[in-house]
């Protein structure tokens, strides 16, 4: 029965804490029982969980960087996607994808 599953019980604990949104709580509950990668920009919610549980955390910046490195998108497309996210008030680590690449190349 799904209601009594380990994932469902963990989800209830995460939600009852009031600290997590339903999306992050659902992903974290699943990952308590399974291997996987947590994709989220909500670092304040998930970073400690991933560290404690040895789970890989993937952000939008990481997804765009990988898409750029493998040639799925070019720099202009990445900057356009980045700008679109910023226009929707998404939190990103730089003003543009180009700037982000520059920062990570410097080790920042």
C-alpha atoms as a PDB file:
ATOM      1  CA  UNK A   1       0.000   0.000   0.000  1.00  0.00           C
ATOM      2  CA  UNK A   2       1.458   3.350  -1.052  1.00  0.00           C
ATOM      3  CA  UNK A   3       0.186   5.232   1.997  1.00  0.00           C
ATOM      4  CA  UNK A   4       2.392   3.108   4.272  1.00  0.00           C
ATOM      5  CA  UNK A   5       5.467   3.161   2.035  1.00  0.00           C
ATOM      6  CA  UNK A   6       8.769   4.395   3.409  1.00  0.00           C
ATOM      7  CA  UNK A   7       8.705   7.251   0.920  1.00  0.00           C
ATOM      8  CA  UNK A   8       5.218   8.324   1.989  1.00  0.00           C
ATOM      9  CA  UNK A   9       6.157   8.284   5.660  1.00  0.00           C
ATOM     10  CA  UNK A  10       9.305  10.306   4.994  1.00  0.00           C
ATOM     11  CA  UNK A  11       7.332  12.743   2.834  1.00  0.00           C
ATOM     12  CA  UNK A  12       4.902  13.302   5.701  1.00  0.00           C
ATOM     13  CA  UNK A  13       7.825  14.056   8.047  1.00  0.00           C
ATOM     14  CA  UNK A  14       9.353  16.545   5.628  1.00  0.00           C
ATOM     15  CA  UNK A  15       6.025  18.298   5.054  1.00  0.00           C
ATOM     16  CA  UNK A  16       5.117  18.372   8.752  1.00  0.00           C
ATOM     17  CA  UNK A  17       8.396  20.138   9.490  1.00  0.00           C
ATOM     18  CA  UNK A  18       7.070  23.137   7.545  1.00  0.00           C
ATOM     19  CA  UNK A  19      10.562  23.704   6.188  1.00  0.00           C
ATOM     20  CA  UNK A  20      10.117  22.265   2.686  1.00  0.00           C
ATOM     21  CA  UNK A  21       7.820  22.816  -0.238  1.00  0.00           C
ATOM     22  CA  UNK A  22       5.978  19.827  -1.652  1.00  0.00           C
ATOM     23  CA  UNK A  23       8.339  19.490  -4.625  1.00  0.00           C
ATOM     24  CA  UNK A  24      11.565  19.378  -2.651  1.00  0.00           C
ATOM     25  CA  UNK A  25       9.966  17.238   0.062  1.00  0.00           C
ATOM     26  CA  UNK A  26       8.766  14.691  -2.507  1.00  0.00           C
ATOM     27  CA  UNK A  27      12.175  14.439  -4.152  1.00  0.00           C
ATOM     28  CA  UNK A  28      14.002  14.139  -0.850  1.00  0.00           C
ATOM     29  CA  UNK A  29      11.563  11.494   0.409  1.00  0.00           C
ATOM     30  CA  UNK A  30      12.139   9.433  -2.726  1.00  0.00           C
ATOM     31  CA  UNK A  31      15.912   9.782  -2.411  1.00  0.00           C
ATOM     32  CA  UNK A  32      15.878   8.508   1.178  1.00  0.00           C
ATOM     33  CA  UNK A  33      15.018   5.097  -0.293  1.00  0.00           C
ATOM     34  CA  UNK A  34      16.602   5.214  -3.773  1.00  0.00           C
ATOM     35  CA  UNK A  35      19.725   6.319  -5.578  1.00  0.00           C
ATOM     36  CA  UNK A  36      19.417   9.393  -7.730  1.00  0.00           C
ATOM     37  CA  UNK A  37      20.221  13.025  -8.314  1.00  0.00           C
ATOM     38  CA  UNK A  38      18.265  15.910  -6.823  1.00  0.00           C
ATOM     39  CA  UNK A  39      17.766  18.727  -9.320  1.00  0.00           C
ATOM     40  CA  UNK A  40      16.836  21.982  -7.616  1.00  0.00           C
ATOM     41  CA  UNK A  41      17.850  25.617  -7.355  1.00  0.00           C
ATOM     42  CA  UNK A  42      16.342  25.833  -3.888  1.00  0.00           C
ATOM     43  CA  UNK A  43      19.685  25.336  -2.168  1.00  0.00           C
ATOM     44  CA  UNK A  44      18.489  26.535   1.223  1.00  0.00           C
ATOM     45  CA  UNK A  45      16.078  23.589   1.286  1.00  0.00           C
ATOM     46  CA  UNK A  46      18.107  20.779  -0.249  1.00  0.00           C
ATOM     47  CA  UNK A  47      21.847  21.394   0.097  1.00  0.00           C
ATOM     48  CA  UNK A  48      22.132  20.094   3.674  1.00  0.00           C
ATOM     49  CA  UNK A  49      19.973  17.057   2.827  1.00  0.00           C
ATOM     50  CA  UNK A  50      22.165  16.159  -0.154  1.00  0.00           C
ATOM     51  CA  UNK A  51      25.353  16.565   1.851  1.00  0.00           C
ATOM     52  CA  UNK A  52      24.079  14.538   4.801  1.00  0.00           C
ATOM     53  CA  UNK A  53      22.687  11.757   2.598  1.00  0.00           C
ATOM     54  CA  UNK A  54      25.536  11.768   0.051  1.00  0.00           C
ATOM     55  CA  UNK A  55      23.226  12.640  -2.836  1.00  0.00           C
ATOM     56  CA  UNK A  56      24.279  14.551  -5.925  1.00  0.00           C
ATOM     57  CA  UNK A  57      22.704  17.999  -6.302  1.00  0.00           C
ATOM     58  CA  UNK A  58      22.212  19.449  -9.774  1.00  0.00           C
ATOM     59  CA  UNK A  59      21.199  23.085 -10.300  1.00  0.00           C
ATOM     60  CA  UNK A  60      19.933  24.891 -13.385  1.00  0.00           C
ATOM     61  CA  UNK A  61      23.400  26.371 -13.804  1.00  0.00           C
ATOM     62  CA  UNK A  62      24.826  22.851 -13.889  1.00  0.00           C
ATOM     63  CA  UNK A  63      22.273  21.681 -16.445  1.00  0.00           C
ATOM     64  CA  UNK A  64      22.963  24.656 -18.714  1.00  0.00           C
ATOM     65  CA  UNK A  65      26.715  24.232 -18.344  1.00  0.00           C
ATOM     66  CA  UNK A  66      26.495  20.573 -19.358  1.00  0.00           C
ATOM     67  CA  UNK A  67      24.219  21.393 -22.310  1.00  0.00           C
ATOM     68  CA  UNK A  68      26.691  24.064 -23.435  1.00  0.00           C
ATOM     69  CA  UNK A  69      29.760  21.840 -22.971  1.00  0.00           C
ATOM     70  CA  UNK A  70      28.203  19.023 -25.006  1.00  0.00           C
ATOM     71  CA  UNK A  71      27.036  21.329 -27.796  1.00  0.00           C
ATOM     72  CA  UNK A  72      23.300  20.975 -27.207  1.00  0.00           C
ATOM     73  CA  UNK A  73      23.055  24.757 -26.925  1.00  0.00           C
ATOM     74  CA  UNK A  74      25.403  27.581 -27.858  1.00  0.00           C
ATOM     75  CA  UNK A  75      26.486  30.481 -25.661  1.00  0.00           C
ATOM     76  CA  UNK A  76      23.830  32.855 -27.001  1.00  0.00           C
ATOM     77  CA  UNK A  77      21.092  30.292 -26.340  1.00  0.00           C
ATOM     78  CA  UNK A  78      22.388  29.671 -22.822  1.00  0.00           C
ATOM     79  CA  UNK A  79      22.469  33.410 -22.115  1.00  0.00           C
ATOM     80  CA  UNK A  80      18.912  33.740 -23.457  1.00  0.00           C
ATOM     81  CA  UNK A  81      17.635  30.922 -21.235  1.00  0.00           C
ATOM     82  CA  UNK A  82      19.468  32.468 -18.262  1.00  0.00           C
ATOM     83  CA  UNK A  83      17.998  35.914 -18.940  1.00  0.00           C
ATOM     84  CA  UNK A  84      14.517  34.420 -19.213  1.00  0.00           C
ATOM     85  CA  UNK A  85      14.896  32.771 -15.840  1.00  0.00           C
ATOM     86  CA  UNK A  86      16.143  35.984 -14.248  1.00  0.00           C
ATOM     87  CA  UNK A  87      13.172  37.856 -15.713  1.00  0.00           C
ATOM     88  CA  UNK A  88      10.938  35.372 -13.849  1.00  0.00           C
ATOM     89  CA  UNK A  89      12.738  36.207 -10.585  1.00  0.00           C
ATOM     90  CA  UNK A  90      14.648  32.906 -10.445  1.00  0.00           C
ATOM     91  CA  UNK A  91      17.752  32.980  -8.267  1.00  0.00           C
ATOM     92  CA  UNK A  92      20.904  32.306 -10.269  1.00  0.00           C
ATOM     93  CA  UNK A  93      24.547  32.750  -9.266  1.00  0.00           C
ATOM     94  CA  UNK A  94      25.445  35.400 -11.885  1.00  0.00           C
ATOM     95  CA  UNK A  95      23.902  38.081 -14.085  1.00  0.00           C
ATOM     96  CA  UNK A  96      24.401  35.980 -17.233  1.00  0.00           C
ATOM     97  CA  UNK A  97      25.488  32.498 -18.235  1.00  0.00           C
ATOM     98  CA  UNK A  98      28.613  34.007 -19.783  1.00  0.00           C
ATOM     99  CA  UNK A  99      29.455  35.645 -16.450  1.00  0.00           C
ATOM    100  CA  UNK A 100      28.770  32.363 -14.631  1.00  0.00           C
ATOM    101  CA  UNK A 101      31.246  30.533 -16.887  1.00  0.00           C
ATOM    102  CA  UNK A 102      33.824  33.236 -16.232  1.00  0.00           C
ATOM    103  CA  UNK A 103      33.376  32.924 -12.469  1.00  0.00           C
ATOM    104  CA  UNK A 104      33.685  29.137 -12.389  1.00  0.00           C
ATOM    105  CA  UNK A 105      36.752  29.228 -14.649  1.00  0.00           C
ATOM    106  CA  UNK A 106      38.403  31.492 -12.059  1.00  0.00           C
ATOM    107  CA  UNK A 107      37.479  29.013  -9.362  1.00  0.00           C
ATOM    108  CA  UNK A 108      34.830  31.186  -7.737  1.00  0.00           C
END
